[in-house]
Structures are given as C-alpha cells and as structure tokens.
Amino acid sequence: MPKFIVTKLAGKEVAGFPNPGAGKVIELTDIQAQHPLRIGHLERDKPAAPALSTKPKD
C-alpha cells in the first residue's frame, strides 16, 4: 500500500483513521488518499534516492 506523510493541517482524523501526528507516515490506498492530498492533509512519501555508483562510466 502507498505511504503518505501527515501534515500539520490534518485534524483528529485522516481519511477516516486516527491522525498519528504531523510528520508521521500513514498507509492508505490511492483512492483513500485522494481527498486528504487535495486539501493538504497528506503529502506523498518521497521514494528513497537511488544509490550513486562510484564506478566510472566508459
């Protein structure tokens, strides 16, 4: 399931679930997250940056 980060704008509930707190990660389906994303209660969790290769390119 996709992960989202709760913002300071969120109230006591986020998408019908108790708010875990600002900055915390919550797992929701894309459909469950649509409205909270639109109104700024959630942000998409950013994927980890790919590891940089130290191997020189040819």
C-alpha atoms as a PDB file:
ATOM      1  CA  MET A   1       0.000   0.000   0.000  1.00  0.00           C
ATOM      2  CA  PRO A   2       1.293   3.509  -0.754  1.00  0.00           C
ATOM      3  CA  LYS A   3       2.700   5.583   2.100  1.00  0.00           C
ATOM      4  CA  PHE A   4       1.795   9.207   2.807  1.00  0.00           C
ATOM      5  CA  ILE A   5       3.079  11.793   5.275  1.00  0.00           C
ATOM      6  CA  VAL A   6       0.570  13.571   7.526  1.00  0.00           C
ATOM      7  CA  THR A   7       0.832  17.383   7.501  1.00  0.00           C
ATOM      8  CA  LYS A   8       0.151  19.914  10.278  1.00  0.00           C
ATOM      9  CA  LEU A   9      -3.141  20.815   8.558  1.00  0.00           C
ATOM     10  CA  ALA A  10      -4.721  17.429   9.319  1.00  0.00           C
ATOM     11  CA  GLY A  11      -7.335  17.246  12.051  1.00  0.00           C
ATOM     12  CA  LYS A  12      -8.089  14.439  14.502  1.00  0.00           C
ATOM     13  CA  GLU A  13      -8.743  12.025  11.627  1.00  0.00           C
ATOM     14  CA  VAL A  14      -7.121  11.457   8.249  1.00  0.00           C
ATOM     15  CA  ALA A  15      -9.210   9.598   5.663  1.00  0.00           C
ATOM     16  CA  GLY A  16     -11.362   8.221   8.487  1.00  0.00           C
ATOM     17  CA  PHE A  17      -8.429   6.960  10.564  1.00  0.00           C
ATOM     18  CA  PRO A  18      -6.983   8.494  13.752  1.00  0.00           C
ATOM     19  CA  ASN A  19      -4.292  11.054  12.983  1.00  0.00           C
ATOM     20  CA  PRO A  20      -0.904   9.580  14.020  1.00  0.00           C
ATOM     21  CA  GLY A  21       0.622  13.078  14.169  1.00  0.00           C
ATOM     22  CA  ALA A  22       2.259  15.572  11.841  1.00  0.00           C
ATOM     23  CA  GLY A  23       5.258  14.160  10.008  1.00  0.00           C
ATOM     24  CA  LYS A  24       4.222  10.560  10.651  1.00  0.00           C
ATOM     25  CA  VAL A  25       3.705   8.049   7.846  1.00  0.00           C
ATOM     26  CA  ILE A  26       0.308   6.509   7.160  1.00  0.00           C
ATOM     27  CA  GLU A  27      -0.514   3.782   4.650  1.00  0.00           C
ATOM     28  CA  LEU A  28      -3.625   4.327   2.539  1.00  0.00           C
ATOM     29  CA  THR A  29      -4.845   3.314  -0.872  1.00  0.00           C
ATOM     30  CA  ASP A  30      -4.631   5.956  -3.581  1.00  0.00           C
ATOM     31  CA  ILE A  31      -8.413   6.288  -3.503  1.00  0.00           C
ATOM     32  CA  GLN A  32      -8.478   6.808   0.289  1.00  0.00           C
ATOM     33  CA  ALA A  33      -5.756   9.453  -0.011  1.00  0.00           C
ATOM     34  CA  GLN A  34      -7.259  11.457  -2.902  1.00  0.00           C
ATOM     35  CA  HIS A  35      -9.229  13.993  -0.866  1.00  0.00           C
ATOM     36  CA  PRO A  36      -6.723  14.440   2.006  1.00  0.00           C
ATOM     37  CA  LEU A  37      -4.000  15.049  -0.614  1.00  0.00           C
ATOM     38  CA  ARG A  38      -6.173  17.636  -2.371  1.00  0.00           C
ATOM     39  CA  ILE A  39      -6.838  19.600   0.822  1.00  0.00           C
ATOM     40  CA  GLY A  40      -3.258  19.399   2.102  1.00  0.00           C
ATOM     41  CA  HIS A  41      -3.703  16.941   4.970  1.00  0.00           C
ATOM     42  CA  LEU A  42      -1.276  14.487   3.338  1.00  0.00           C
ATOM     43  CA  GLU A  43       1.845  14.582   1.190  1.00  0.00           C
ATOM     44  CA  ARG A  44       3.170  11.737  -0.903  1.00  0.00           C
ATOM     45  CA  ASP A  45       6.037   9.884   0.731  1.00  0.00           C
ATOM     46  CA  LYS A  46       9.088  10.532  -1.389  1.00  0.00           C
ATOM     47  CA  PRO A  47      10.849   7.404  -2.641  1.00  0.00           C
ATOM     48  CA  ALA A  48      14.389   6.838  -1.464  1.00  0.00           C
ATOM     49  CA  ALA A  49      17.039   8.316  -3.724  1.00  0.00           C
ATOM     50  CA  PRO A  50      18.832   5.744  -5.850  1.00  0.00           C
ATOM     51  CA  ALA A  51      22.324   4.867  -4.721  1.00  0.00           C
ATOM     52  CA  LEU A  52      25.048   6.616  -6.681  1.00  0.00           C
ATOM     53  CA  SER A  53      27.521   4.382  -8.397  1.00  0.00           C
ATOM     54  CA  THR A  54      31.212   5.066  -7.792  1.00  0.00           C
ATOM     55  CA  LYS A  55      32.087   3.095 -10.888  1.00  0.00           C
ATOM     56  CA  PRO A  56      33.285   5.399 -13.719  1.00  0.00           C
ATOM     57  CA  LYS A  57      31.302   5.383 -16.940  1.00  0.00           C
ATOM     58  CA  ASP A  58      33.040   4.219 -20.090  1.00  0.00           C
END
